[in-house]
Structures are given as structure tokens and as C-alpha cells.
Amino acid sequence: MAQTDFPDCIEILDFFHVSEYVWAWQERLFLSKRNGRNLGLNNNRVEQQQRWLKQSQWQSVV
């Protein structure tokens, strides 16, 4: 929508908001809805994705 209304704009998504989405997605993937059990949610996995984001390697996260 921004590109349609403002074709010359530059869209920016900051690191902290992206990190929130990465954590939320990991929790959704790896926590059991029935009993809240951890099915593989791992801080190291999220931290690696955050390092990639800081290095502008967003394609690795996607």
C-alpha cells in the first residue's frame, strides 16, 4: 500500500520489531498448544536468526 500511495518512499522495519516477529513465529512453531510443552524452541535458533538480521542476511531468516 505504501508503494502505491508513495512510490518514492523508503520502507524501514527496525530490528526490534522484526525480532518480536521471529520470537513469536518460533513459539508458534515449537510450543505444543495442548500442554505448552517445548517441542524444540531454542534460544540459540532465534539468536542465530537475529545475528543474520543484524548482518542484513534477512533471506536466511525467511
PDB file of N, CA and C in Angstrom:
ATOM      1  N   MET A   1       0.820  -1.175   0.000  1.00  0.00           N
ATOM      2  CA  MET A   1       0.000   0.000   0.000  1.00  0.00           C
ATOM      3  C   MET A   1       0.874   1.253   0.000  1.00  0.00           C
ATOM      4  N   ALA A   2       1.982   1.221   0.737  1.00  0.00           N
ATOM      5  CA  ALA A   2       2.858   2.392   0.779  1.00  0.00           C
ATOM      6  C   ALA A   2       3.420   2.681  -0.611  1.00  0.00           C
ATOM      7  N   GLN A   3       3.814   1.649  -1.328  1.00  0.00           N
ATOM      8  CA  GLN A   3       4.369   1.852  -2.671  1.00  0.00           C
ATOM      9  C   GLN A   3       3.334   2.412  -3.632  1.00  0.00           C
ATOM     10  N   THR A   4       2.075   2.063  -3.454  1.00  0.00           N
ATOM     11  CA  THR A   4       1.006   2.575  -4.311  1.00  0.00           C
ATOM     12  C   THR A   4       0.763   4.062  -4.049  1.00  0.00           C
ATOM     13  N   ASP A   5       0.666   4.423  -2.791  1.00  0.00           N
ATOM     14  CA  ASP A   5       0.370   5.810  -2.426  1.00  0.00           C
ATOM     15  C   ASP A   5       1.595   6.711  -2.453  1.00  0.00           C
ATOM     16  N   PHE A   6       2.762   6.130  -2.148  1.00  0.00           N
ATOM     17  CA  PHE A   6       4.006   6.902  -2.070  1.00  0.00           C
ATOM     18  C   PHE A   6       5.113   6.136  -2.795  1.00  0.00           C
ATOM     19  N   PRO A   7       5.116   6.132  -4.115  1.00  0.00           N
ATOM     20  CA  PRO A   7       6.035   5.282  -4.876  1.00  0.00           C
ATOM     21  C   PRO A   7       7.521   5.561  -4.631  1.00  0.00           C
ATOM     22  N   ASP A   8       7.876   6.729  -4.148  1.00  0.00           N
ATOM     23  CA  ASP A   8       9.284   7.044  -3.909  1.00  0.00           C
ATOM     24  C   ASP A   8       9.708   6.841  -2.459  1.00  0.00           C
ATOM     25  N   CYS A   9       8.829   6.281  -1.653  1.00  0.00           N
ATOM     26  CA  CYS A   9       9.146   6.128  -0.235  1.00  0.00           C
ATOM     27  C   CYS A   9      10.163   5.011  -0.013  1.00  0.00           C
ATOM     28  N   ILE A  10      10.805   5.082   1.130  1.00  0.00           N
ATOM     29  CA  ILE A  10      11.717   4.028   1.574  1.00  0.00           C
ATOM     30  C   ILE A  10      11.091   3.419   2.823  1.00  0.00           C
ATOM     31  N   GLU A  11      10.800   2.127   2.757  1.00  0.00           N
ATOM     32  CA  GLU A  11      10.183   1.447   3.891  1.00  0.00           C
ATOM     33  C   GLU A  11      11.272   0.856   4.784  1.00  0.00           C
ATOM     34  N   ILE A  12      11.128   1.064   6.083  1.00  0.00           N
ATOM     35  CA  ILE A  12      12.116   0.589   7.048  1.00  0.00           C
ATOM     36  C   ILE A  12      11.392  -0.180   8.144  1.00  0.00           C
ATOM     37  N   LEU A  13      11.910  -1.367   8.435  1.00  0.00           N
ATOM     38  CA  LEU A  13      11.416  -2.144   9.564  1.00  0.00           C
ATOM     39  C   LEU A  13      12.584  -2.330  10.514  1.00  0.00           C
ATOM     40  N   ASP A  14      12.433  -1.861  11.742  1.00  0.00           N
ATOM     41  CA  ASP A  14      13.570  -1.885  12.646  1.00  0.00           C
ATOM     42  C   ASP A  14      13.805  -3.279  13.225  1.00  0.00           C
ATOM     43  N   PHE A  15      15.021  -3.483  13.691  1.00  0.00           N
ATOM     44  CA  PHE A  15      15.476  -4.769  14.198  1.00  0.00           C
ATOM     45  C   PHE A  15      14.586  -5.296  15.322  1.00  0.00           C
ATOM     46  N   PHE A  16      14.197  -4.437  16.250  1.00  0.00           N
ATOM     47  CA  PHE A  16      13.444  -4.897  17.410  1.00  0.00           C
ATOM     48  C   PHE A  16      12.067  -5.420  17.031  1.00  0.00           C
ATOM     49  N   HIS A  17      11.405  -4.773  16.086  1.00  0.00           N
ATOM     50  CA  HIS A  17      10.103  -5.271  15.652  1.00  0.00           C
ATOM     51  C   HIS A  17      10.249  -6.595  14.902  1.00  0.00           C
ATOM     52  N   VAL A  18      11.264  -6.710  14.071  1.00  0.00           N
ATOM     53  CA  VAL A  18      11.493  -7.975  13.367  1.00  0.00           C
ATOM     54  C   VAL A  18      11.789  -9.078  14.375  1.00  0.00           C
ATOM     55  N   SER A  19      12.590  -8.768  15.394  1.00  0.00           N
ATOM     56  CA  SER A  19      12.917  -9.768  16.418  1.00  0.00           C
ATOM     57  C   SER A  19      11.670 -10.262  17.139  1.00  0.00           C
ATOM     58  N   GLU A  20      10.748  -9.370  17.407  1.00  0.00           N
ATOM     59  CA  GLU A  20       9.493  -9.787  18.035  1.00  0.00           C
ATOM     60  C   GLU A  20       8.759 -10.797  17.166  1.00  0.00           C
ATOM     61  N   TYR A  21       8.738 -10.561  15.863  1.00  0.00           N
ATOM     62  CA  TYR A  21       8.071 -11.483  14.941  1.00  0.00           C
ATOM     63  C   TYR A  21       8.805 -12.823  14.886  1.00  0.00           C
ATOM     64  N   VAL A  22      10.131 -12.787  14.906  1.00  0.00           N
ATOM     65  CA  VAL A  22      10.913 -14.027  14.874  1.00  0.00           C
ATOM     66  C   VAL A  22      10.611 -14.863  16.116  1.00  0.00           C
ATOM     67  N   TRP A  23      10.606 -14.230  17.305  1.00  0.00           N
ATOM     68  CA  TRP A  23      10.288 -14.957  18.539  1.00  0.00           C
ATOM     69  C   TRP A  23       8.871 -15.520  18.496  1.00  0.00           C
ATOM     70  N   ALA A  24       7.925 -14.708  18.059  1.00  0.00           N
ATOM     71  CA  ALA A  24       6.528 -15.162  18.017  1.00  0.00           C
ATOM     72  C   ALA A  24       6.370 -16.343  17.067  1.00  0.00           C
ATOM     73  N   TRP A  25       7.034 -16.284  15.929  1.00  0.00           N
ATOM     74  CA  TRP A  25       6.936 -17.363  14.950  1.00  0.00           C
ATOM     75  C   TRP A  25       7.550 -18.645  15.505  1.00  0.00           C
ATOM     76  N   GLN A  26       8.712 -18.521  16.155  1.00  0.00           N
ATOM     77  CA  GLN A  26       9.357 -19.698  16.737  1.00  0.00           C
ATOM     78  C   GLN A  26       8.475 -20.318  17.821  1.00  0.00           C
ATOM     79  N   GLU A  27       7.881 -19.488  18.650  1.00  0.00           N
ATOM     80  CA  GLU A  27       6.996 -20.017  19.692  1.00  0.00           C
ATOM     81  C   GLU A  27       5.811 -20.741  19.079  1.00  0.00           C
ATOM     82  N   ARG A  28       5.272 -20.187  18.031  1.00  0.00           N
ATOM     83  CA  ARG A  28       4.127 -20.818  17.373  1.00  0.00           C
ATOM     84  C   ARG A  28       4.508 -22.161  16.754  1.00  0.00           C
ATOM     85  N   LEU A  29       5.701 -22.227  16.203  1.00  0.00           N
ATOM     86  CA  LEU A  29       6.158 -23.468  15.575  1.00  0.00           C
ATOM     87  C   LEU A  29       6.491 -24.560  16.577  1.00  0.00           C
ATOM     88  N   PHE A  30       7.054 -24.181  17.721  1.00  0.00           N
ATOM     89  CA  PHE A  30       7.668 -25.189  18.570  1.00  0.00           C
ATOM     90  C   PHE A  30       7.021 -25.409  19.934  1.00  0.00           C
ATOM     91  N   LEU A  31       5.974 -24.678  20.260  1.00  0.00           N
ATOM     92  CA  LEU A  31       5.299 -24.942  21.528  1.00  0.00           C
ATOM     93  C   LEU A  31       3.986 -25.675  21.277  1.00  0.00           C
ATOM     94  N   SER A  32       3.789 -26.730  22.004  1.00  0.00           N
ATOM     95  CA  SER A  32       2.565 -27.506  21.880  1.00  0.00           C
ATOM     96  C   SER A  32       1.384 -26.697  22.403  1.00  0.00           C
ATOM     97  N   LYS A  33       0.320 -26.638  21.635  1.00  0.00           N
ATOM     98  CA  LYS A  33      -0.866 -25.892  22.062  1.00  0.00           C
ATOM     99  C   LYS A  33      -1.620 -26.629  23.162  1.00  0.00           C
ATOM    100  N   ARG A  34      -1.521 -27.925  23.182  1.00  0.00           N
ATOM    101  CA  ARG A  34      -2.270 -28.698  24.176  1.00  0.00           C
ATOM    102  C   ARG A  34      -1.777 -28.493  25.593  1.00  0.00           C
ATOM    103  N   ASN A  35      -0.458 -28.608  25.766  1.00  0.00           N
ATOM    104  CA  ASN A  35       0.056 -28.586  27.131  1.00  0.00           C
ATOM    105  C   ASN A  35       1.197 -27.595  27.324  1.00  0.00           C
ATOM    106  N   GLY A  36       1.490 -26.760  26.341  1.00  0.00           N
ATOM    107  CA  GLY A  36       2.542 -25.766  26.479  1.00  0.00           C
ATOM    108  C   GLY A  36       3.948 -26.339  26.492  1.00  0.00           C
ATOM    109  N   ARG A  37       4.079 -27.637  26.159  1.00  0.00           N
ATOM    110  CA  ARG A  37       5.398 -28.267  26.145  1.00  0.00           C
ATOM    111  C   ARG A  37       6.271 -27.685  25.051  1.00  0.00           C
ATOM    112  N   ASN A  38       7.536 -27.589  25.355  1.00  0.00           N
ATOM    113  CA  ASN A  38       8.514 -27.117  24.388  1.00  0.00           C
ATOM    114  C   ASN A  38       8.848 -28.259  23.435  1.00  0.00           C
ATOM    115  N   LEU A  39       8.585 -28.061  22.148  1.00  0.00           N
ATOM    116  CA  LEU A  39       8.859 -29.100  21.155  1.00  0.00           C
ATOM    117  C   LEU A  39      10.075 -28.745  20.306  1.00  0.00           C
ATOM    118  N   GLY A  40      10.973 -27.968  20.855  1.00  0.00           N
ATOM    119  CA  GLY A  40      12.187 -27.637  20.130  1.00  0.00           C
ATOM    120  C   GLY A  40      12.484 -26.159  20.068  1.00  0.00           C
ATOM    121  N   LEU A  41      11.707 -25.334  20.764  1.00  0.00           N
ATOM    122  CA  LEU A  41      12.016 -23.905  20.811  1.00  0.00           C
ATOM    123  C   LEU A  41      13.374 -23.747  21.466  1.00  0.00           C
ATOM    124  N   ASN A  42      14.228 -23.017  20.803  1.00  0.00           N
ATOM    125  CA  ASN A  42      15.616 -22.968  21.220  1.00  0.00           C
ATOM    126  C   ASN A  42      16.115 -21.532  21.098  1.00  0.00           C
ATOM    127  N   ASN A  43      16.611 -20.974  22.199  1.00  0.00           N
ATOM    128  CA  ASN A  43      17.143 -19.615  22.162  1.00  0.00           C
ATOM    129  C   ASN A  43      18.248 -19.472  21.129  1.00  0.00           C
ATOM    130  N   ASN A  44      19.074 -20.519  20.979  1.00  0.00           N
ATOM    131  CA  ASN A  44      20.177 -20.448  20.017  1.00  0.00           C
ATOM    132  C   ASN A  44      19.671 -20.250  18.596  1.00  0.00           C
ATOM    133  N   ARG A  45      18.563 -20.876  18.260  1.00  0.00           N
ATOM    134  CA  ARG A  45      17.995 -20.745  16.920  1.00  0.00           C
ATOM    135  C   ARG A  45      17.573 -19.294  16.659  1.00  0.00           C
ATOM    136  N   VAL A  46      16.893 -18.712  17.616  1.00  0.00           N
ATOM    137  CA  VAL A  46      16.431 -17.330  17.470  1.00  0.00           C
ATOM    138  C   VAL A  46      17.623 -16.376  17.462  1.00  0.00           C
ATOM    139  N   GLU A  47      18.584 -16.609  18.331  1.00  0.00           N
ATOM    140  CA  GLU A  47      19.763 -15.741  18.371  1.00  0.00           C
ATOM    141  C   GLU A  47      20.540 -15.786  17.065  1.00  0.00           C
ATOM    142  N   GLN A  48      20.609 -16.956  16.427  1.00  0.00           N
ATOM    143  CA  GLN A  48      21.263 -17.060  15.120  1.00  0.00           C
ATOM    144  C   GLN A  48      20.503 -16.230  14.091  1.00  0.00           C
ATOM    145  N   GLN A  49      19.200 -16.315  14.108  1.00  0.00           N
ATOM    146  CA  GLN A  49      18.401 -15.530  13.173  1.00  0.00           C
ATOM    147  C   GLN A  49      18.581 -14.033  13.424  1.00  0.00           C
ATOM    148  N   GLN A  50      18.705 -13.638  14.674  1.00  0.00           N
ATOM    149  CA  GLN A  50      18.945 -12.235  14.995  1.00  0.00           C
ATOM    150  C   GLN A  50      20.317 -11.792  14.476  1.00  0.00           C
ATOM    151  N   ARG A  51      21.320 -12.654  14.581  1.00  0.00           N
ATOM    152  CA  ARG A  51      22.644 -12.312  14.025  1.00  0.00           C
ATOM    153  C   ARG A  51      22.545 -12.108  12.517  1.00  0.00           C
ATOM    154  N   TRP A  52      21.813 -12.996  11.845  1.00  0.00           N
ATOM    155  CA  TRP A  52      21.638 -12.837  10.396  1.00  0.00           C
ATOM    156  C   TRP A  52      20.959 -11.509  10.069  1.00  0.00           C
ATOM    157  N   LEU A  53      19.942 -11.151  10.850  1.00  0.00           N
ATOM    158  CA  LEU A  53      19.253  -9.882  10.615  1.00  0.00           C
ATOM    159  C   LEU A  53      20.201  -8.706  10.785  1.00  0.00           C
ATOM    160  N   LYS A  54      21.035  -8.743  11.826  1.00  0.00           N
ATOM    161  CA  LYS A  54      21.992  -7.663  12.058  1.00  0.00           C
ATOM    162  C   LYS A  54      23.020  -7.557  10.941  1.00  0.00           C
ATOM    163  N   GLN A  55      23.270  -8.666  10.245  1.00  0.00           N
ATOM    164  CA  GLN A  55      24.221  -8.688   9.142  1.00  0.00           C
ATOM    165  C   GLN A  55      23.524  -8.495   7.791  1.00  0.00           C
ATOM    166  N   SER A  56      22.270  -8.077   7.837  1.00  0.00           N
ATOM    167  CA  SER A  56      21.449  -7.854   6.631  1.00  0.00           C
ATOM    168  C   SER A  56      21.283  -9.124   5.792  1.00  0.00           C
ATOM    169  N   GLN A  57      21.295 -10.263   6.454  1.00  0.00           N
ATOM    170  CA  GLN A  57      21.085 -11.542   5.772  1.00  0.00           C
ATOM    171  C   GLN A  57      19.665 -12.024   6.022  1.00  0.00           C
ATOM    172  N   TRP A  58      18.709 -11.154   5.754  1.00  0.00           N
ATOM    173  CA  TRP A  58      17.303 -11.454   6.028  1.00  0.00           C
ATOM    174  C   TRP A  58      16.799 -12.653   5.226  1.00  0.00           C
ATOM    175  N   GLN A  59      17.421 -12.902   4.067  1.00  0.00           N
ATOM    176  CA  GLN A  59      16.988 -14.047   3.257  1.00  0.00           C
ATOM    177  C   GLN A  59      17.202 -15.364   4.005  1.00  0.00           C
ATOM    178  N   SER A  60      18.236 -15.437   4.829  1.00  0.00           N
ATOM    179  CA  SER A  60      18.479 -16.639   5.612  1.00  0.00           C
ATOM    180  C   SER A  60      17.386 -16.858   6.644  1.00  0.00           C
ATOM    181  N   VAL A  61      16.851 -15.778   7.168  1.00  0.00           N
ATOM    182  CA  VAL A  61      15.776 -15.878   8.162  1.00  0.00           C
ATOM    183  C   VAL A  61      14.469 -16.292   7.489  1.00  0.00           C
ATOM    184  N   VAL A  62      14.204 -15.704   6.347  1.00  0.00           N
ATOM    185  CA  VAL A  62      12.967 -16.029   5.624  1.00  0.00           C
ATOM    186  C   VAL A  62      13.011 -17.463   5.189  1.00  0.00           C
TER     187      VAL A  62
END
